[in-house]
């Protein structure tokens, strides 16, 4: 699967042609935890990827966040938290559905469950990390999977 997606930093190809891996951090919706605490943790999960950016770079991975939210709102969210990587606004859930990311219904609409997806350069899904019960360990869960994939190669 190769596609161009709209991100908080403009259009980008997925998977990244310049990286060994493309890692997609799926979250419900940034800020939803303020309204629905049971779905909280998006900011924590996305910031865990930011804080592990050097480790992702060493693993040859391009990091992207994905939410079923409007791309414009995501740009403000990403800038306000200095994420250092783009967020994809997958409003119609087409990217997540194509990758098999689980969904949850909230406030009368479908959103993504917290998950991590690792794509190789061809766009093949090499790992779907779900569930991710602890948002603070979202990046660590994905990094563990990247280590496993690298050692299997």
Protein backbone atom coordinates (compact mmCIF):
# COMPACT_ATOMS: atom_id res chain seq x y z
CA UNK A 1 0.00 0.00 0.00
CA UNK A 2 1.47 3.31 -1.08
CA UNK A 3 -0.51 6.53 -0.64
CA UNK A 4 -0.11 10.22 -0.05
CA UNK A 5 -1.72 11.46 3.15
CA UNK A 6 -2.60 14.93 4.42
CA UNK A 7 -0.62 15.74 7.55
CA UNK A 8 -0.18 18.67 9.89
CA UNK A 9 2.96 19.47 7.85
CA UNK A 10 1.47 18.99 4.38
CA UNK A 11 1.18 15.93 2.08
CA UNK A 12 3.53 13.01 2.76
CA UNK A 13 3.96 9.55 1.24
CA UNK A 14 3.11 6.51 3.35
CA UNK A 15 5.22 4.50 3.69
CA UNK A 16 8.23 6.78 3.74
CA UNK A 17 10.56 6.02 0.84
CA UNK A 18 13.49 7.36 2.89
CA UNK A 19 13.14 5.10 5.93
CA UNK A 20 13.36 1.39 6.63
CA UNK A 21 10.12 1.55 8.63
CA UNK A 22 7.13 3.84 8.88
CA UNK A 23 5.52 3.81 12.31
CA UNK A 24 1.96 5.05 12.70
CA UNK A 25 0.71 5.89 16.18
CA UNK A 26 -3.09 5.70 16.08
CA UNK A 27 -4.98 7.61 18.78
CA UNK A 28 -8.68 8.29 19.29
CA UNK A 29 -8.68 12.08 19.17
CA UNK A 30 -6.29 14.53 20.81
CA UNK A 31 -8.07 16.19 23.73
CA UNK A 32 -10.98 13.74 23.91
CA UNK A 33 -9.92 12.64 27.39
CA UNK A 34 -11.19 15.95 28.73
CA UNK A 35 -14.72 14.95 27.64
CA UNK A 36 -14.48 11.16 27.90
CA UNK A 37 -11.84 10.15 30.48
CA UNK A 38 -12.02 6.47 29.45
CA UNK A 39 -10.56 7.46 26.06
CA UNK A 40 -7.87 9.74 27.50
CA UNK A 41 -4.16 9.36 27.00
CA UNK A 42 -3.76 10.58 23.40
CA UNK A 43 -1.42 13.37 24.43
CA UNK A 44 0.59 11.02 26.65
CA UNK A 45 0.89 8.42 23.89
CA UNK A 46 1.89 10.90 21.21
CA UNK A 47 4.39 12.55 23.56
CA UNK A 48 5.92 9.15 24.34
CA UNK A 49 6.81 8.91 20.63
CA UNK A 50 8.23 12.44 20.70
CA UNK A 51 10.35 11.62 23.73
CA UNK A 52 11.73 8.50 22.02
CA UNK A 53 12.51 10.26 18.72
CA UNK A 54 16.24 9.46 18.85
CA UNK A 55 15.51 5.76 19.34
CA UNK A 56 13.11 5.74 16.39
CA UNK A 57 15.73 7.50 14.25
CA UNK A 58 18.35 4.88 15.19
CA UNK A 59 15.86 2.15 14.21
CA UNK A 60 15.43 3.75 10.77
CA UNK A 61 11.78 4.62 11.42
CA UNK A 62 9.68 7.57 10.28
CA UNK A 63 7.08 8.40 12.96
CA UNK A 64 3.60 9.69 12.17
CA UNK A 65 0.59 10.12 14.42
CA UNK A 66 -2.92 9.36 13.14
CA UNK A 67 -6.29 10.53 14.40
CA UNK A 68 -9.81 10.57 12.98
CA UNK A 69 -9.77 14.32 13.45
CA UNK A 70 -9.55 17.26 11.06
CA UNK A 71 -5.98 17.94 9.84
CA UNK A 72 -6.23 21.68 10.68
CA UNK A 73 -6.89 21.02 14.36
CA UNK A 74 -4.05 18.52 14.45
CA UNK A 75 -1.49 21.08 13.22
CA UNK A 76 -2.28 23.31 16.20
CA UNK A 77 -2.16 20.32 18.56
CA UNK A 78 1.22 19.10 17.19
CA UNK A 79 2.78 22.56 17.34
CA UNK A 80 1.51 23.20 20.86
CA UNK A 81 3.19 20.04 22.14
CA UNK A 82 6.34 20.28 20.01
CA UNK A 83 5.82 16.71 18.81
CA UNK A 84 8.51 16.96 16.14
CA UNK A 85 6.62 14.67 13.77
CA UNK A 86 3.50 15.12 11.63
CA UNK A 87 -0.03 14.07 12.48
CA UNK A 88 -2.33 12.57 9.85
CA UNK A 89 -5.97 13.63 9.86
CA UNK A 90 -7.78 10.45 8.76
CA UNK A 91 -11.30 11.87 9.07
CA UNK A 92 -12.91 9.15 6.97
CA UNK A 93 -10.86 6.43 8.74
CA UNK A 94 -9.78 5.05 5.35
CA UNK A 95 -6.08 4.70 6.22
CA UNK A 96 -6.77 3.03 9.56
CA UNK A 97 -9.36 0.70 8.07
CA UNK A 98 -7.00 -0.30 5.25
CA UNK A 99 -4.42 -1.23 7.90
CA UNK A 100 -6.85 -3.10 10.17
CA UNK A 101 -6.76 -0.68 13.10
CA UNK A 102 -9.55 -1.37 15.62
CA UNK A 103 -12.19 1.29 16.17
CA UNK A 104 -14.33 2.49 19.03
CA UNK A 105 -17.58 4.48 18.96
CA UNK A 106 -17.75 7.65 21.01
CA UNK A 107 -19.92 10.74 20.86
CA UNK A 108 -21.88 9.13 18.01
CA UNK A 109 -18.93 8.55 15.69
CA UNK A 110 -16.21 6.04 14.96
CA UNK A 111 -12.70 6.75 16.24
CA UNK A 112 -9.52 4.70 16.32
CA UNK A 113 -8.50 2.69 19.32
CA UNK A 114 -4.94 3.28 20.50
CA UNK A 115 -2.66 1.17 18.31
CA UNK A 116 0.71 1.15 16.61
CA UNK A 117 1.30 0.01 13.04
CA UNK A 118 4.71 -0.73 11.56
CA UNK A 119 4.99 -0.64 7.77
CA UNK A 120 7.98 -1.72 5.74
CA UNK A 121 9.15 0.19 2.65
CA UNK A 122 6.65 -1.62 0.44
CA UNK A 123 3.76 -0.59 2.68
CA UNK A 124 3.19 -4.07 4.05
CA UNK A 125 1.95 -4.18 7.63
CA UNK A 126 4.73 -5.87 9.56
CA UNK A 127 3.15 -5.35 12.99
CA UNK A 128 -0.12 -4.17 14.53
CA UNK A 129 0.43 -3.37 18.19
CA UNK A 130 -2.93 -3.49 19.96
CA UNK A 131 -4.13 -3.19 22.62
CA UNK A 132 -1.92 -0.52 24.18
CA UNK A 133 -3.35 -0.26 27.69
CA UNK A 134 -0.78 2.25 28.99
CA UNK A 135 -0.48 5.40 26.84
CA UNK A 136 2.84 6.26 28.49
CA UNK A 137 4.31 3.02 27.12
CA UNK A 138 2.91 3.38 23.59
CA UNK A 139 6.32 4.25 22.08
CA UNK A 140 8.08 1.56 24.11
CA UNK A 141 5.66 -1.09 22.82
CA UNK A 142 6.38 -0.08 19.22
CA UNK A 143 10.14 0.11 19.78
CA UNK A 144 10.09 -3.42 21.22
CA UNK A 145 8.37 -4.59 18.04
CA UNK A 146 10.90 -2.74 15.85
CA UNK A 147 13.71 -4.50 17.72
CA UNK A 148 12.01 -7.85 17.11
CA UNK A 149 11.58 -7.12 13.41
CA UNK A 150 15.20 -6.02 13.05
CA UNK A 151 16.52 -9.13 14.76
CA UNK A 152 14.34 -11.36 12.55
CA UNK A 153 15.73 -9.80 9.36
